[in-house]
Amino acid sequence: MRCVIARFPFELTKGGVLESMKGIKSEPVTGESVIIGRRHYPVKQVGQVITRQDRRDFSAAEVLRAMTQLGFTCRALPEAAPVGIPSSLQHA
């Protein structure tokens, strides 16, 4: 599949991504992630490995779009629940 990441065209396949990520240790996930095999990888780490570009050169959205089109499961960082301020009645 042809996709554009950081203004450069790439021919990516699911097998090629699996092969590229084989043996790569996952960094701690603090944002969006991609599940490749049994591991959760940060999106920027996957983008860096498959494109061989600096992480500052592309956005996470570009990599998420490409990984979703290839059939990988992508996860967004869950939003934190809003913290309510207890009323005086609840506080008592």
C-alpha atoms as a PDB file:
ATOM      1  CA  MET A   1       0.000   0.000   0.000  1.00  0.00           C
ATOM      2  CA  ARG A   2       1.313   3.403  -0.880  1.00  0.00           C
ATOM      3  CA  CYS A   3       1.110   6.072   1.803  1.00  0.00           C
ATOM      4  CA  VAL A   4       2.691   9.460   2.349  1.00  0.00           C
ATOM      5  CA  ILE A   5       4.430  10.171   5.640  1.00  0.00           C
ATOM      6  CA  ALA A   6       6.341  13.429   6.122  1.00  0.00           C
ATOM      7  CA  ARG A   7       5.840  14.302   2.436  1.00  0.00           C
ATOM      8  CA  PHE A   8       7.640  11.123   1.294  1.00  0.00           C
ATOM      9  CA  PRO A   9       5.846   8.216  -0.379  1.00  0.00           C
ATOM     10  CA  PHE A  10       6.299   4.756   1.153  1.00  0.00           C
ATOM     11  CA  GLU A  11       5.203   1.339  -0.083  1.00  0.00           C
ATOM     12  CA  LEU A  12       4.162  -0.398   3.124  1.00  0.00           C
ATOM     13  CA  THR A  13       2.810  -3.890   3.640  1.00  0.00           C
ATOM     14  CA  LYS A  14       1.576  -5.515   6.819  1.00  0.00           C
ATOM     15  CA  GLY A  15       4.295  -8.168   6.545  1.00  0.00           C
ATOM     16  CA  GLY A  16       6.955  -5.525   5.987  1.00  0.00           C
ATOM     17  CA  VAL A  17       5.900  -3.621   9.095  1.00  0.00           C
ATOM     18  CA  LEU A  18       5.870  -6.852  11.131  1.00  0.00           C
ATOM     19  CA  GLU A  19       9.370  -7.680   9.881  1.00  0.00           C
ATOM     20  CA  SER A  20      10.666  -4.157  10.616  1.00  0.00           C
ATOM     21  CA  MET A  21       9.319  -4.220  14.169  1.00  0.00           C
ATOM     22  CA  LYS A  22      10.612  -7.728  14.930  1.00  0.00           C
ATOM     23  CA  GLY A  23      13.127  -7.549  17.759  1.00  0.00           C
ATOM     24  CA  ILE A  24      12.353  -3.895  18.576  1.00  0.00           C
ATOM     25  CA  LYS A  25      11.680  -3.350  22.260  1.00  0.00           C
ATOM     26  CA  SER A  26       8.597  -1.261  22.932  1.00  0.00           C
ATOM     27  CA  GLU A  27       9.075   2.084  24.641  1.00  0.00           C
ATOM     28  CA  PRO A  28       6.611   3.139  27.372  1.00  0.00           C
ATOM     29  CA  VAL A  29       3.306   4.207  25.816  1.00  0.00           C
ATOM     30  CA  THR A  30       2.258   7.717  26.850  1.00  0.00           C
ATOM     31  CA  GLY A  31      -0.030   8.590  23.943  1.00  0.00           C
ATOM     32  CA  GLU A  32      -1.468   6.896  20.897  1.00  0.00           C
ATOM     33  CA  SER A  33      -0.272   3.337  20.314  1.00  0.00           C
ATOM     34  CA  VAL A  34      -0.270   0.611  17.671  1.00  0.00           C
ATOM     35  CA  ILE A  35      -0.616  -3.067  18.501  1.00  0.00           C
ATOM     36  CA  ILE A  36       1.864  -5.057  16.427  1.00  0.00           C
ATOM     37  CA  GLY A  37       1.950  -8.724  17.284  1.00  0.00           C
ATOM     38  CA  ARG A  38       1.379  -8.832  21.015  1.00  0.00           C
ATOM     39  CA  ARG A  39       3.141  -5.572  21.821  1.00  0.00           C
ATOM     40  CA  HIS A  40       1.868  -2.023  22.150  1.00  0.00           C
ATOM     41  CA  TYR A  41       4.222   0.450  20.469  1.00  0.00           C
ATOM     42  CA  PRO A  42       4.032   4.249  20.607  1.00  0.00           C
ATOM     43  CA  VAL A  43       2.995   5.606  17.212  1.00  0.00           C
ATOM     44  CA  LYS A  44       6.079   7.789  16.872  1.00  0.00           C
ATOM     45  CA  GLN A  45       8.386   4.818  17.544  1.00  0.00           C
ATOM     46  CA  VAL A  46       6.704   2.789  14.796  1.00  0.00           C
ATOM     47  CA  GLY A  47       6.928   5.725  12.397  1.00  0.00           C
ATOM     48  CA  GLN A  48      10.614   6.187  13.129  1.00  0.00           C
ATOM     49  CA  VAL A  49      11.419   2.510  12.551  1.00  0.00           C
ATOM     50  CA  ILE A  50       9.444   2.052   9.329  1.00  0.00           C
ATOM     51  CA  THR A  51      10.414   5.380   7.709  1.00  0.00           C
ATOM     52  CA  ARG A  52      13.927   5.778   9.168  1.00  0.00           C
ATOM     53  CA  GLN A  53      13.145   9.442   9.752  1.00  0.00           C
ATOM     54  CA  ASP A  54      13.383  11.619  12.812  1.00  0.00           C
ATOM     55  CA  ARG A  55      10.220  11.648  14.932  1.00  0.00           C
ATOM     56  CA  ARG A  56       9.925  15.408  14.538  1.00  0.00           C
ATOM     57  CA  ASP A  57       9.507  15.047  10.755  1.00  0.00           C
ATOM     58  CA  PHE A  58       6.067  13.420  10.817  1.00  0.00           C
ATOM     59  CA  SER A  59       2.885  13.569  12.849  1.00  0.00           C
ATOM     60  CA  ALA A  60       1.311  10.756  14.820  1.00  0.00           C
ATOM     61  CA  ALA A  61      -1.847  11.144  12.728  1.00  0.00           C
ATOM     62  CA  GLU A  62       0.041  10.251   9.532  1.00  0.00           C
ATOM     63  CA  VAL A  63       1.347   7.020  11.040  1.00  0.00           C
ATOM     64  CA  LEU A  64      -2.009   6.175  12.652  1.00  0.00           C
ATOM     65  CA  ARG A  65      -3.749   6.564   9.295  1.00  0.00           C
ATOM     66  CA  ALA A  66      -1.223   4.290   7.564  1.00  0.00           C
ATOM     67  CA  MET A  67      -1.297   1.622  10.284  1.00  0.00           C
ATOM     68  CA  THR A  68      -5.109   1.599  10.327  1.00  0.00           C
ATOM     69  CA  GLN A  69      -5.222   1.139   6.553  1.00  0.00           C
ATOM     70  CA  LEU A  70      -2.810  -1.788   6.868  1.00  0.00           C
ATOM     71  CA  GLY A  71      -5.139  -3.428   9.386  1.00  0.00           C
ATOM     72  CA  PHE A  72      -3.284  -2.855  12.650  1.00  0.00           C
ATOM     73  CA  THR A  73      -5.203  -1.991  15.802  1.00  0.00           C
ATOM     74  CA  CYS A  74      -4.537   1.568  16.929  1.00  0.00           C
ATOM     75  CA  ARG A  75      -5.430   2.956  20.331  1.00  0.00           C
ATOM     76  CA  ALA A  76      -5.777   6.530  21.492  1.00  0.00           C
ATOM     77  CA  LEU A  77      -4.762   7.654  24.936  1.00  0.00           C
ATOM     78  CA  PRO A  78      -7.836   7.395  27.165  1.00  0.00           C
ATOM     79  CA  GLU A  79      -9.039  10.745  28.387  1.00  0.00           C
ATOM     80  CA  ALA A  80      -8.978  11.306  32.112  1.00  0.00           C
ATOM     81  CA  ALA A  81     -12.334  11.587  33.814  1.00  0.00           C
ATOM     82  CA  PRO A  82     -13.095  15.115  34.974  1.00  0.00           C
ATOM     83  CA  VAL A  83     -12.559  15.609  38.659  1.00  0.00           C
ATOM     84  CA  GLY A  84     -15.638  17.067  40.273  1.00  0.00           C
ATOM     85  CA  ILE A  85     -15.484  19.485  43.156  1.00  0.00           C
ATOM     86  CA  PRO A  86     -17.458  18.045  46.085  1.00  0.00           C
ATOM     87  CA  SER A  87     -20.247  20.197  47.396  1.00  0.00           C
ATOM     88  CA  SER A  88     -20.392  21.135  51.053  1.00  0.00           C
ATOM     89  CA  LEU A  89     -23.042  18.456  51.624  1.00  0.00           C
ATOM     90  CA  GLN A  90     -20.846  15.759  50.046  1.00  0.00           C
ATOM     91  CA  HIS A  91     -17.838  17.007  51.946  1.00  0.00           C
ATOM     92  CA  ALA A  92     -19.632  16.659  55.287  1.00  0.00           C
END
